[in-house]
Amino acid sequence: QQRVSIARVLIMEPKMLLMDEPFASLDALTRLSMQQLLLKLSTEHNPAIFFITHDVEEALMLADRIYIMSSCQSRLQHEIRVPFPKTRSISLIGNPRFLEMKSDILRLLFDQKLKKLLR
């Protein structure tokens, strides 16, 4: 269903796609497959993609830039540039820089949550 939905949208040749947690309900292998498909389609068709996710690995795998929003007022807290080339594969997940960035982002999110709890 996700593939059909993406294909249906791409037929219209949009300049931008808004994707709000499109892979959240998928199992892990299907999710990875869809991420690879999205990377391929974004290279071939080149639309701007605004992708909302709560999955840090998914954000690092798909994004050029990651924006972390505040939890209470939906304000931009951090912008993180993702340094990996557009041609990404599952092997990136084991890359030391990938793991370091994942850890840094999780720390930012945890610190943000902790501050909210302590108010």
PDB file of N, CA and C in Angstrom:
ATOM      1  N   GLN A   1       0.828  -1.200   0.000  1.00  0.00           N
ATOM      2  CA  GLN A   1       0.000   0.000   0.000  1.00  0.00           C
ATOM      3  C   GLN A   1       0.872   1.263   0.000  1.00  0.00           C
ATOM      4  N   GLN A   2       1.968   1.235   0.781  1.00  0.00           N
ATOM      5  CA  GLN A   2       2.843   2.406   0.834  1.00  0.00           C
ATOM      6  C   GLN A   2       3.466   2.677  -0.536  1.00  0.00           C
ATOM      7  N   ARG A   3       3.911   1.618  -1.217  1.00  0.00           N
ATOM      8  CA  ARG A   3       4.519   1.776  -2.539  1.00  0.00           C
ATOM      9  C   ARG A   3       3.513   2.373  -3.526  1.00  0.00           C
ATOM     10  N   VAL A   4       2.294   1.891  -3.480  1.00  0.00           N
ATOM     11  CA  VAL A   4       1.250   2.399  -4.376  1.00  0.00           C
ATOM     12  C   VAL A   4       0.965   3.864  -4.064  1.00  0.00           C
ATOM     13  N   SER A   5       0.902   4.216  -2.796  1.00  0.00           N
ATOM     14  CA  SER A   5       0.651   5.612  -2.410  1.00  0.00           C
ATOM     15  C   SER A   5       1.758   6.526  -2.913  1.00  0.00           C
ATOM     16  N   ILE A   6       3.000   6.098  -2.759  1.00  0.00           N
ATOM     17  CA  ILE A   6       4.134   6.910  -3.220  1.00  0.00           C
ATOM     18  C   ILE A   6       4.106   7.029  -4.740  1.00  0.00           C
ATOM     19  N   ALA A   7       3.864   5.921  -5.429  1.00  0.00           N
ATOM     20  CA  ALA A   7       3.795   5.951  -6.896  1.00  0.00           C
ATOM     21  C   ALA A   7       2.687   6.886  -7.382  1.00  0.00           C
ATOM     22  N   ARG A   8       1.548   6.825  -6.722  1.00  0.00           N
ATOM     23  CA  ARG A   8       0.404   7.670  -7.091  1.00  0.00           C
ATOM     24  C   ARG A   8       0.770   9.151  -6.981  1.00  0.00           C
ATOM     25  N   VAL A   9       1.508   9.495  -5.960  1.00  0.00           N
ATOM     26  CA  VAL A   9       1.909  10.892  -5.772  1.00  0.00           C
ATOM     27  C   VAL A   9       2.973  11.296  -6.785  1.00  0.00           C
ATOM     28  N   LEU A  10       3.948  10.424  -7.031  1.00  0.00           N
ATOM     29  CA  LEU A  10       5.051  10.761  -7.938  1.00  0.00           C
ATOM     30  C   LEU A  10       4.595  10.931  -9.381  1.00  0.00           C
ATOM     31  N   ILE A  11       3.500  10.304  -9.760  1.00  0.00           N
ATOM     32  CA  ILE A  11       2.960  10.467 -11.120  1.00  0.00           C
ATOM     33  C   ILE A  11       2.650  11.938 -11.384  1.00  0.00           C
ATOM     34  N   MET A  12       2.274  12.653 -10.352  1.00  0.00           N
ATOM     35  CA  MET A  12       1.913  14.064 -10.493  1.00  0.00           C
ATOM     36  C   MET A  12       3.135  14.981 -10.523  1.00  0.00           C
ATOM     37  N   GLU A  13       4.337  14.406 -10.376  1.00  0.00           N
ATOM     38  CA  GLU A  13       5.602  15.144 -10.387  1.00  0.00           C
ATOM     39  C   GLU A  13       5.599  16.344  -9.434  1.00  0.00           C
ATOM     40  N   PRO A  14       5.348  16.091  -8.148  1.00  0.00           N
ATOM     41  CA  PRO A  14       5.321  17.204  -7.197  1.00  0.00           C
ATOM     42  C   PRO A  14       6.724  17.754  -6.943  1.00  0.00           C
ATOM     43  N   LYS A  15       6.768  19.019  -6.585  1.00  0.00           N
ATOM     44  CA  LYS A  15       8.045  19.624  -6.205  1.00  0.00           C
ATOM     45  C   LYS A  15       8.386  19.297  -4.755  1.00  0.00           C
ATOM     46  N   MET A  16       7.353  18.981  -3.953  1.00  0.00           N
ATOM     47  CA  MET A  16       7.564  18.671  -2.542  1.00  0.00           C
ATOM     48  C   MET A  16       6.624  17.567  -2.101  1.00  0.00           C
ATOM     49  N   LEU A  17       7.152  16.687  -1.242  1.00  0.00           N
ATOM     50  CA  LEU A  17       6.337  15.655  -0.602  1.00  0.00           C
ATOM     51  C   LEU A  17       6.344  15.889   0.896  1.00  0.00           C
ATOM     52  N   LEU A  18       5.194  15.784   1.515  1.00  0.00           N
ATOM     53  CA  LEU A  18       5.081  15.814   2.969  1.00  0.00           C
ATOM     54  C   LEU A  18       4.742  14.400   3.404  1.00  0.00           C
ATOM     55  N   MET A  19       5.635  13.816   4.207  1.00  0.00           N
ATOM     56  CA  MET A  19       5.446  12.432   4.644  1.00  0.00           C
ATOM     57  C   MET A  19       5.468  12.415   6.171  1.00  0.00           C
ATOM     58  N   ASP A  20       4.337  12.142   6.765  1.00  0.00           N
ATOM     59  CA  ASP A  20       4.196  12.137   8.219  1.00  0.00           C
ATOM     60  C   ASP A  20       4.193  10.699   8.724  1.00  0.00           C
ATOM     61  N   GLU A  21       5.326  10.235   9.201  1.00  0.00           N
ATOM     62  CA  GLU A  21       5.499   8.878   9.739  1.00  0.00           C
ATOM     63  C   GLU A  21       4.930   7.802   8.807  1.00  0.00           C
ATOM     64  N   PRO A  22       5.312   7.825   7.519  1.00  0.00           N
ATOM     65  CA  PRO A  22       4.693   6.885   6.584  1.00  0.00           C
ATOM     66  C   PRO A  22       5.072   5.422   6.801  1.00  0.00           C
ATOM     67  N   PHE A  23       6.195   5.171   7.463  1.00  0.00           N
ATOM     68  CA  PHE A  23       6.653   3.798   7.632  1.00  0.00           C
ATOM     69  C   PHE A  23       6.499   3.291   9.059  1.00  0.00           C
ATOM     70  N   ALA A  24       5.836   4.043   9.905  1.00  0.00           N
ATOM     71  CA  ALA A  24       5.735   3.709  11.335  1.00  0.00           C
ATOM     72  C   ALA A  24       5.074   2.362  11.594  1.00  0.00           C
ATOM     73  N   SER A  25       4.117   1.981  10.785  1.00  0.00           N
ATOM     74  CA  SER A  25       3.374   0.743  11.047  1.00  0.00           C
ATOM     75  C   SER A  25       3.985  -0.488  10.366  1.00  0.00           C
ATOM     76  N   LEU A  26       5.111  -0.300   9.689  1.00  0.00           N
ATOM     77  CA  LEU A  26       5.715  -1.405   8.949  1.00  0.00           C
ATOM     78  C   LEU A  26       6.670  -2.220   9.820  1.00  0.00           C
ATOM     79  N   ASP A  27       6.826  -3.495   9.472  1.00  0.00           N
ATOM     80  CA  ASP A  27       7.820  -4.312  10.173  1.00  0.00           C
ATOM     81  C   ASP A  27       9.214  -3.829   9.760  1.00  0.00           C
ATOM     82  N   ALA A  28      10.229  -4.243  10.506  1.00  0.00           N
ATOM     83  CA  ALA A  28      11.585  -3.721  10.334  1.00  0.00           C
ATOM     84  C   ALA A  28      12.137  -3.913   8.920  1.00  0.00           C
ATOM     85  N   LEU A  29      11.979  -5.099   8.353  1.00  0.00           N
ATOM     86  CA  LEU A  29      12.527  -5.354   7.019  1.00  0.00           C
ATOM     87  C   LEU A  29      11.799  -4.572   5.933  1.00  0.00           C
ATOM     88  N   THR A  30      10.483  -4.499   6.034  1.00  0.00           N
ATOM     89  CA  THR A  30       9.712  -3.729   5.061  1.00  0.00           C
ATOM     90  C   THR A  30      10.051  -2.246   5.186  1.00  0.00           C
ATOM     91  N   ARG A  31      10.236  -1.797   6.412  1.00  0.00           N
ATOM     92  CA  ARG A  31      10.597  -0.400   6.657  1.00  0.00           C
ATOM     93  C   ARG A  31      11.931  -0.067   5.987  1.00  0.00           C
ATOM     94  N   LEU A  32      12.942  -0.925   6.170  1.00  0.00           N
ATOM     95  CA  LEU A  32      14.242  -0.703   5.525  1.00  0.00           C
ATOM     96  C   LEU A  32      14.110  -0.700   4.010  1.00  0.00           C
ATOM     97  N   SER A  33      13.297  -1.601   3.488  1.00  0.00           N
ATOM     98  CA  SER A  33      13.065  -1.675   2.051  1.00  0.00           C
ATOM     99  C   SER A  33      12.431  -0.384   1.542  1.00  0.00           C
ATOM    100  N   MET A  34      11.464   0.127   2.266  1.00  0.00           N
ATOM    101  CA  MET A  34      10.786   1.365   1.865  1.00  0.00           C
ATOM    102  C   MET A  34      11.720   2.572   1.973  1.00  0.00           C
ATOM    103  N   GLN A  35      12.588   2.566   2.970  1.00  0.00           N
ATOM    104  CA  GLN A  35      13.573   3.651   3.090  1.00  0.00           C
ATOM    105  C   GLN A  35      14.497   3.660   1.877  1.00  0.00           C
ATOM    106  N   GLN A  36      14.953   2.473   1.464  1.00  0.00           N
ATOM    107  CA  GLN A  36      15.824   2.379   0.287  1.00  0.00           C
ATOM    108  C   GLN A  36      15.082   2.831  -0.968  1.00  0.00           C
ATOM    109  N   LEU A  37      13.816   2.439  -1.086  1.00  0.00           N
ATOM    110  CA  LEU A  37      13.002   2.871  -2.226  1.00  0.00           C
ATOM    111  C   LEU A  37      12.857   4.392  -2.243  1.00  0.00           C
ATOM    112  N   LEU A  38      12.602   4.976  -1.089  1.00  0.00           N
ATOM    113  CA  LEU A  38      12.444   6.432  -1.013  1.00  0.00           C
ATOM    114  C   LEU A  38      13.745   7.142  -1.395  1.00  0.00           C
ATOM    115  N   LEU A  39      14.880   6.629  -0.937  1.00  0.00           N
ATOM    116  CA  LEU A  39      16.164   7.224  -1.318  1.00  0.00           C
ATOM    117  C   LEU A  39      16.367   7.163  -2.828  1.00  0.00           C
ATOM    118  N   LYS A  40      16.027   6.026  -3.431  1.00  0.00           N
ATOM    119  CA  LYS A  40      16.163   5.862  -4.876  1.00  0.00           C
ATOM    120  C   LYS A  40      15.241   6.827  -5.623  1.00  0.00           C
ATOM    121  N   LEU A  41      13.994   6.904  -5.180  1.00  0.00           N
ATOM    122  CA  LEU A  41      13.028   7.789  -5.837  1.00  0.00           C
ATOM    123  C   LEU A  41      13.412   9.260  -5.679  1.00  0.00           C
ATOM    124  N   SER A  42      13.946   9.618  -4.521  1.00  0.00           N
ATOM    125  CA  SER A  42      14.331  11.017  -4.318  1.00  0.00           C
ATOM    126  C   SER A  42      15.509  11.392  -5.206  1.00  0.00           C
ATOM    127  N   THR A  43      16.385  10.426  -5.484  1.00  0.00           N
ATOM    128  CA  THR A  43      17.510  10.678  -6.393  1.00  0.00           C
ATOM    129  C   THR A  43      17.014  10.796  -7.836  1.00  0.00           C
ATOM    130  N   GLU A  44      16.099   9.927  -8.220  1.00  0.00           N
ATOM    131  CA  GLU A  44      15.604   9.911  -9.605  1.00  0.00           C
ATOM    132  C   GLU A  44      14.664  11.073  -9.916  1.00  0.00           C
ATOM    133  N   HIS A  45      13.775  11.411  -8.983  1.00  0.00           N
ATOM    134  CA  HIS A  45      12.741  12.423  -9.243  1.00  0.00           C
ATOM    135  C   HIS A  45      13.039  13.764  -8.593  1.00  0.00           C
ATOM    136  N   ASN A  46      13.899  13.761  -7.589  1.00  0.00           N
ATOM    137  CA  ASN A  46      14.404  14.961  -6.925  1.00  0.00           C
ATOM    138  C   ASN A  46      13.347  15.908  -6.332  1.00  0.00           C
ATOM    139  N   PRO A  47      12.278  15.393  -5.738  1.00  0.00           N
ATOM    140  CA  PRO A  47      11.379  16.321  -5.047  1.00  0.00           C
ATOM    141  C   PRO A  47      11.980  16.684  -3.683  1.00  0.00           C
ATOM    142  N   ALA A  48      11.608  17.829  -3.162  1.00  0.00           N
ATOM    143  CA  ALA A  48      11.948  18.139  -1.772  1.00  0.00           C
ATOM    144  C   ALA A  48      11.032  17.265  -0.919  1.00  0.00           C
ATOM    145  N   ILE A  49      11.581  16.657   0.115  1.00  0.00           N
ATOM    146  CA  ILE A  49      10.778  15.780   0.966  1.00  0.00           C
ATOM    147  C   ILE A  49      10.860  16.275   2.398  1.00  0.00           C
ATOM    148  N   PHE A  50       9.717  16.574   2.969  1.00  0.00           N
ATOM    149  CA  PHE A  50       9.612  16.931   4.379  1.00  0.00           C
ATOM    150  C   PHE A  50       9.097  15.682   5.076  1.00  0.00           C
ATOM    151  N   PHE A  51       9.985  15.001   5.793  1.00  0.00           N
ATOM    152  CA  PHE A  51       9.704  13.684   6.349  1.00  0.00           C
ATOM    153  C   PHE A  51       9.663  13.784   7.870  1.00  0.00           C
ATOM    154  N   ILE A  52       8.536  13.476   8.452  1.00  0.00           N
ATOM    155  CA  ILE A  52       8.383  13.523   9.904  1.00  0.00           C
ATOM    156  C   ILE A  52       8.537  12.114  10.449  1.00  0.00           C
ATOM    157  N   THR A  53       9.418  11.970  11.439  1.00  0.00           N
ATOM    158  CA  THR A  53       9.624  10.673  12.066  1.00  0.00           C
ATOM    159  C   THR A  53      10.086  10.866  13.508  1.00  0.00           C
ATOM    160  N   HIS A  54       9.825   9.865  14.321  1.00  0.00           N
ATOM    161  CA  HIS A  54      10.350   9.835  15.681  1.00  0.00           C
ATOM    162  C   HIS A  54      11.500   8.840  15.787  1.00  0.00           C
ATOM    163  N   ASP A  55      11.858   8.223  14.670  1.00  0.00           N
ATOM    164  CA  ASP A  55      12.904   7.201  14.619  1.00  0.00           C
ATOM    165  C   ASP A  55      14.223   7.860  14.208  1.00  0.00           C
ATOM    166  N   VAL A  56      15.172   7.916  15.141  1.00  0.00           N
ATOM    167  CA  VAL A  56      16.441   8.605  14.904  1.00  0.00           C
ATOM    168  C   VAL A  56      17.226   7.939  13.775  1.00  0.00           C
ATOM    169  N   GLU A  57      17.271   6.613  13.748  1.00  0.00           N
ATOM    170  CA  GLU A  57      17.983   5.920  12.668  1.00  0.00           C
ATOM    171  C   GLU A  57      17.363   6.237  11.310  1.00  0.00           C
ATOM    172  N   GLU A  58      16.046   6.268  11.267  1.00  0.00           N
ATOM    173  CA  GLU A  58      15.359   6.582  10.014  1.00  0.00           C
ATOM    174  C   GLU A  58      15.700   8.000   9.559  1.00  0.00           C
ATOM    175  N   ALA A  59      15.716   8.930  10.483  1.00  0.00           N
ATOM    176  CA  ALA A  59      16.066  10.312  10.145  1.00  0.00           C
ATOM    177  C   ALA A  59      17.484  10.389   9.598  1.00  0.00           C
ATOM    178  N   LEU A  60      18.421   9.713  10.252  1.00  0.00           N
ATOM    179  CA  LEU A  60      19.801   9.729   9.781  1.00  0.00           C
ATOM    180  C   LEU A  60      19.960   9.036   8.432  1.00  0.00           C
ATOM    181  N   MET A  61      19.178   8.023   8.204  1.00  0.00           N
ATOM    182  CA  MET A  61      19.252   7.280   6.946  1.00  0.00           C
ATOM    183  C   MET A  61      18.696   8.098   5.771  1.00  0.00           C
ATOM    184  N   LEU A  62      17.641   8.875   6.003  1.00  0.00           N
ATOM    185  CA  LEU A  62      16.929   9.528   4.910  1.00  0.00           C
ATOM    186  C   LEU A  62      17.218  11.012   4.730  1.00  0.00           C
ATOM    187  N   ALA A  63      17.651  11.681   5.773  1.00  0.00           N
ATOM    188  CA  ALA A  63      17.671  13.142   5.745  1.00  0.00           C
ATOM    189  C   ALA A  63      18.997  13.743   5.291  1.00  0.00           C
ATOM    190  N   ASP A  64      18.890  14.935   4.755  1.00  0.00           N
ATOM    191  CA  ASP A  64      20.054  15.796   4.550  1.00  0.00           C
ATOM    192  C   ASP A  64      20.226  16.679   5.785  1.00  0.00           C
ATOM    193  N   ARG A  65      19.074  17.052   6.351  1.00  0.00           N
ATOM    194  CA  ARG A  65      19.056  17.850   7.575  1.00  0.00           C
ATOM    195  C   ARG A  65      17.985  17.301   8.501  1.00  0.00           C
ATOM    196  N   ILE A  66      18.298  17.325   9.792  1.00  0.00           N
ATOM    197  CA  ILE A  66      17.347  16.883  10.813  1.00  0.00           C
ATOM    198  C   ILE A  66      17.013  18.090  11.669  1.00  0.00           C
ATOM    199  N   TYR A  67      15.726  18.305  11.884  1.00  0.00           N
ATOM    200  CA  TYR A  67      15.275  19.384  12.752  1.00  0.00           C
ATOM    201  C   TYR A  67      14.643  18.765  13.986  1.00  0.00           C
ATOM    202  N   ILE A  68      15.123  19.174  15.127  1.00  0.00           N
ATOM    203  CA  ILE A  68      14.546  18.709  16.386  1.00  0.00           C
ATOM    204  C   ILE A  68      13.697  19.839  16.934  1.00  0.00           C
ATOM    205  N   MET A  69      12.431  19.513  17.157  1.00  0.00           N
ATOM    206  CA  MET A  69      11.477  20.501  17.633  1.00  0.00           C
ATOM    207  C   MET A  69      11.330  20.386  19.145  1.00  0.00           C
ATOM    208  N   SER A  70      10.956  21.496  19.778  1.00  0.00           N
ATOM    209  CA  SER A  70      10.658  21.435  21.202  1.00  0.00           C
ATOM    210  C   SER A  70       9.362  20.654  21.379  1.00  0.00           C
ATOM    211  N   SER A  71       9.234  20.019  22.509  1.00  0.00           N
ATOM    212  CA  SER A  71       8.059  19.172  22.708  1.00  0.00           C
ATOM    213  C   SER A  71       6.814  19.954  23.103  1.00  0.00           C
ATOM    214  N   CYS A  72       6.975  21.119  23.702  1.00  0.00           N
ATOM    215  CA  CYS A  72       5.778  21.807  24.198  1.00  0.00           C
ATOM    216  C   CYS A  72       5.253  22.885  23.252  1.00  0.00           C
ATOM    217  N   GLN A  73       6.123  23.654  22.610  1.00  0.00           N
ATOM    218  CA  GLN A  73       5.635  24.760  21.790  1.00  0.00           C
ATOM    219  C   GLN A  73       5.972  24.597  20.314  1.00  0.00           C
ATOM    220  N   SER A  74       6.431  23.424  19.932  1.00  0.00           N
ATOM    221  CA  SER A  74       6.762  23.123  18.540  1.00  0.00           C
ATOM    222  C   SER A  74       7.673  24.180  17.916  1.00  0.00           C
ATOM    223  N   ARG A  75       8.703  24.525  18.636  1.00  0.00           N
ATOM    224  CA  ARG A  75       9.702  25.448  18.110  1.00  0.00           C
ATOM    225  C   ARG A  75      10.945  24.664  17.719  1.00  0.00           C
ATOM    226  N   LEU A  76      11.648  25.197  16.747  1.00  0.00           N
ATOM    227  CA  LEU A  76      12.873  24.564  16.299  1.00  0.00           C
ATOM    228  C   LEU A  76      13.939  24.687  17.386  1.00  0.00           C
ATOM    229  N   GLN A  77      14.447  23.562  17.856  1.00  0.00           N
ATOM    230  CA  GLN A  77      15.478  23.553  18.889  1.00  0.00           C
ATOM    231  C   GLN A  77      16.870  23.360  18.301  1.00  0.00           C
ATOM    232  N   HIS A  78      16.981  22.450  17.330  1.00  0.00           N
ATOM    233  CA  HIS A  78      18.287  22.130  16.746  1.00  0.00           C
ATOM    234  C   HIS A  78      18.131  21.801  15.268  1.00  0.00           C
ATOM    235  N   GLU A  79      19.148  22.185  14.510  1.00  0.00           N
ATOM    236  CA  GLU A  79      19.270  21.753  13.122  1.00  0.00           C
ATOM    237  C   GLU A  79      20.574  20.977  13.014  1.00  0.00           C
ATOM    238  N   ILE A  80      20.495  19.789  12.476  1.00  0.00           N
ATOM    239  CA  ILE A  80      21.667  18.928  12.350  1.00  0.00           C
ATOM    240  C   ILE A  80      21.833  18.575  10.878  1.00  0.00           C
ATOM    241  N   ARG A  81      22.982  18.865  10.339  1.00  0.00           N
ATOM    242  CA  ARG A  81      23.274  18.497   8.950  1.00  0.00           C
ATOM    243  C   ARG A  81      23.824  17.074   8.934  1.00  0.00           C
ATOM    244  N   VAL A  82      23.273  16.265   8.071  1.00  0.00           N
ATOM    245  CA  VAL A  82      23.681  14.859   7.954  1.00  0.00           C
ATOM    246  C   VAL A  82      24.767  14.787   6.881  1.00  0.00           C
ATOM    247  N   PRO A  83      25.976  14.330   7.246  1.00  0.00           N
ATOM    248  CA  PRO A  83      27.117  14.412   6.332  1.00  0.00           C
ATOM    249  C   PRO A  83      27.260  13.262   5.336  1.00  0.00           C
ATOM    250  N   PHE A  84      26.355  12.316   5.353  1.00  0.00           N
ATOM    251  CA  PHE A  84      26.520  11.133   4.517  1.00  0.00           C
ATOM    252  C   PHE A  84      26.055  11.400   3.090  1.00  0.00           C
ATOM    253  N   PRO A  85      26.708  10.747   2.097  1.00  0.00           N
ATOM    254  CA  PRO A  85      26.279  10.946   0.706  1.00  0.00           C
ATOM    255  C   PRO A  85      24.865  10.419   0.480  1.00  0.00           C
ATOM    256  N   LYS A  86      24.217  10.915  -0.551  1.00  0.00           N
ATOM    257  CA  LYS A  86      22.829  10.537  -0.847  1.00  0.00           C
ATOM    258  C   LYS A  86      22.665   9.040  -1.095  1.00  0.00           C
ATOM    259  N   THR A  87      23.652   8.411  -1.659  1.00  0.00           N
ATOM    260  CA  THR A  87      23.570   6.977  -1.928  1.00  0.00           C
ATOM    261  C   THR A  87      23.881   6.223  -0.639  1.00  0.00           C
ATOM    262  N   ARG A  88      22.850   5.927   0.114  1.00  0.00           N
ATOM    263  CA  ARG A  88      23.003   5.281   1.417  1.00  0.00           C
ATOM    264  C   ARG A  88      22.437   3.871   1.367  1.00  0.00           C
ATOM    265  N   SER A  89      23.024   3.026   2.197  1.00  0.00           N
ATOM    266  CA  SER A  89      22.521   1.663   2.296  1.00  0.00           C
ATOM    267  C   SER A  89      22.488   1.274   3.768  1.00  0.00           C
ATOM    268  N   ILE A  90      21.980   0.097   4.016  1.00  0.00           N
ATOM    269  CA  ILE A  90      21.845  -0.396   5.382  1.00  0.00           C
ATOM    270  C   ILE A  90      23.197  -0.482   6.096  1.00  0.00           C
ATOM    271  N   SER A  91      24.283  -0.617   5.348  1.00  0.00           N
ATOM    272  CA  SER A  91      25.612  -0.697   5.967  1.00  0.00           C
ATOM    273  C   SER A  91      25.970   0.588   6.710  1.00  0.00           C
ATOM    274  N   LEU A  92      25.310   1.684   6.376  1.00  0.00           N
ATOM    275  CA  LEU A  92      25.558   2.954   7.063  1.00  0.00           C
ATOM    276  C   LEU A  92      25.250   2.860   8.555  1.00  0.00           C
ATOM    277  N   ILE A  93      24.299   2.013   8.920  1.00  0.00           N
ATOM    278  CA  ILE A  93      23.865   1.901  10.314  1.00  0.00           C
ATOM    279  C   ILE A  93      25.020   1.496  11.236  1.00  0.00           C
ATOM    280  N   GLY A  94      26.004   0.760  10.737  1.00  0.00           N
ATOM    281  CA  GLY A  94      27.150   0.357  11.546  1.00  0.00           C
ATOM    282  C   GLY A  94      28.321   1.318  11.483  1.00  0.00           C
ATOM    283  N   ASN A  95      28.205   2.367  10.687  1.00  0.00           N
ATOM    284  CA  ASN A  95      29.264   3.356  10.535  1.00  0.00           C
ATOM    285  C   ASN A  95      29.494   4.084  11.861  1.00  0.00           C
ATOM    286  N   PRO A  96      30.759   4.233  12.321  1.00  0.00           N
ATOM    287  CA  PRO A  96      31.028   4.906  13.602  1.00  0.00           C
ATOM    288  C   PRO A  96      30.453   6.324  13.682  1.00  0.00           C
ATOM    289  N   ARG A  97      30.516   7.084  12.585  1.00  0.00           N
ATOM    290  CA  ARG A  97      29.974   8.446  12.588  1.00  0.00           C
ATOM    291  C   ARG A  97      28.447   8.416  12.726  1.00  0.00           C
ATOM    292  N   PHE A  98      27.807   7.458  12.070  1.00  0.00           N
ATOM    293  CA  PHE A  98      26.360   7.272  12.174  1.00  0.00           C
ATOM    294  C   PHE A  98      25.979   6.996  13.630  1.00  0.00           C
ATOM    295  N   LEU A  99      26.699   6.075  14.265  1.00  0.00           N
ATOM    296  CA  LEU A  99      26.412   5.714  15.662  1.00  0.00           C
ATOM    297  C   LEU A  99      26.655   6.882  16.606  1.00  0.00           C
ATOM    298  N   GLU A 100      27.695   7.660  16.326  1.00  0.00           N
ATOM    299  CA  GLU A 100      27.985   8.838  17.148  1.00  0.00           C
ATOM    300  C   GLU A 100      26.874   9.879  17.013  1.00  0.00           C
ATOM    301  N   MET A 101      26.438  10.118  15.781  1.00  0.00           N
ATOM    302  CA  MET A 101      25.359  11.086  15.563  1.00  0.00           C
ATOM    303  C   MET A 101      24.060  10.613  16.208  1.00  0.00           C
ATOM    304  N   LYS A 102      23.773   9.321  16.085  1.00  0.00           N
ATOM    305  CA  LYS A 102      22.572   8.766  16.714  1.00  0.00           C
ATOM    306  C   LYS A 102      22.617   8.996  18.227  1.00  0.00           C
ATOM    307  N   SER A 103      23.741   8.716  18.819  1.00  0.00           N
ATOM    308  CA  SER A 103      23.903   8.913  20.260  1.00  0.00           C
ATOM    309  C   SER A 103      23.731  10.386  20.645  1.00  0.00           C
ATOM    310  N   ASP A 104      24.314  11.284  19.868  1.00  0.00           N
ATOM    311  CA  ASP A 104      24.196  12.725  20.147  1.00  0.00           C
ATOM    312  C   ASP A 104      22.744  13.186  20.063  1.00  0.00           C
ATOM    313  N   ILE A 105      22.044  12.723  19.039  1.00  0.00           N
ATOM    314  CA  ILE A 105      20.635  13.121  18.873  1.00  0.00           C
ATOM    315  C   ILE A 105      19.779  12.566  20.003  1.00  0.00           C
ATOM    316  N   LEU A 106      19.992  11.310  20.356  1.00  0.00           N
ATOM    317  CA  LEU A 106      19.235  10.720  21.471  1.00  0.00           C
ATOM    318  C   LEU A 106      19.504  11.473  22.774  1.00  0.00           C
ATOM    319  N   ARG A 107      20.741  11.900  22.966  1.00  0.00           N
ATOM    320  CA  ARG A 107      21.078  12.685  24.156  1.00  0.00           C
ATOM    321  C   ARG A 107      20.341  14.021  24.157  1.00  0.00           C
ATOM    322  N   LEU A 108      20.289  14.684  22.998  1.00  0.00           N
ATOM    323  CA  LEU A 108      19.537  15.942  22.891  1.00  0.00           C
ATOM    324  C   LEU A 108      18.067  15.731  23.232  1.00  0.00           C
ATOM    325  N   LEU A 109      17.494  14.665  22.674  1.00  0.00           N
ATOM    326  CA  LEU A 109      16.079  14.373  22.930  1.00  0.00           C
ATOM    327  C   LEU A 109      15.829  14.035  24.395  1.00  0.00           C
ATOM    328  N   PHE A 110      16.734  13.255  24.984  1.00  0.00           N
ATOM    329  CA  PHE A 110      16.583  12.879  26.381  1.00  0.00           C
ATOM    330  C   PHE A 110      16.713  14.109  27.287  1.00  0.00           C
ATOM    331  N   ASP A 111      17.697  14.959  27.007  1.00  0.00           N
ATOM    332  CA  ASP A 111      17.867  16.182  27.801  1.00  0.00           C
ATOM    333  C   ASP A 111      16.643  17.074  27.715  1.00  0.00           C
ATOM    334  N   GLN A 112      16.072  17.163  26.519  1.00  0.00           N
ATOM    335  CA  GLN A 112      14.863  17.967  26.303  1.00  0.00           C
ATOM    336  C   GLN A 112      13.702  17.398  27.126  1.00  0.00           C
ATOM    337  N   LYS A 113      13.545  16.096  27.110  1.00  0.00           N
ATOM    338  CA  LYS A 113      12.473  15.429  27.864  1.00  0.00           C
ATOM    339  C   LYS A 113      12.675  15.611  29.366  1.00  0.00           C
ATOM    340  N   LEU A 114      13.919  15.484  29.810  1.00  0.00           N
ATOM    341  CA  LEU A 114      14.232  15.635  31.229  1.00  0.00           C
ATOM    342  C   LEU A 114      13.925  17.041  31.721  1.00  0.00           C
ATOM    343  N   LYS A 115      14.277  18.057  30.917  1.00  0.00           N
ATOM    344  CA  LYS A 115      13.971  19.439  31.288  1.00  0.00           C
ATOM    345  C   LYS A 115      12.474  19.653  31.437  1.00  0.00           C
ATOM    346  N   LYS A 116      11.708  19.051  30.529  1.00  0.00           N
ATOM    347  CA  LYS A 116      10.247  19.178  30.582  1.00  0.00           C
ATOM    348  C   LYS A 116       9.699  18.527  31.859  1.00  0.00           C
ATOM    349  N   LEU A 117      10.236  17.380  32.214  1.00  0.00           N
ATOM    350  CA  LEU A 117       9.770  16.676  33.415  1.00  0.00           C
ATOM    351  C   LEU A 117      10.099  17.429  34.695  1.00  0.00           C
ATOM    352  N   LEU A 118      11.205  18.157  34.699  1.00  0.00           N
ATOM    353  CA  LEU A 118      11.647  18.863  35.895  1.00  0.00           C
ATOM    354  C   LEU A 118      10.980  20.221  36.082  1.00  0.00           C
ATOM    355  N   ARG A 119      10.201  20.646  35.140  1.00  0.00           N
ATOM    356  CA  ARG A 119       9.505  21.950  35.278  1.00  0.00           C
ATOM    357  C   ARG A 119       8.387  21.870  36.265  1.00  0.00           C
TER     358      ARG A 119
END
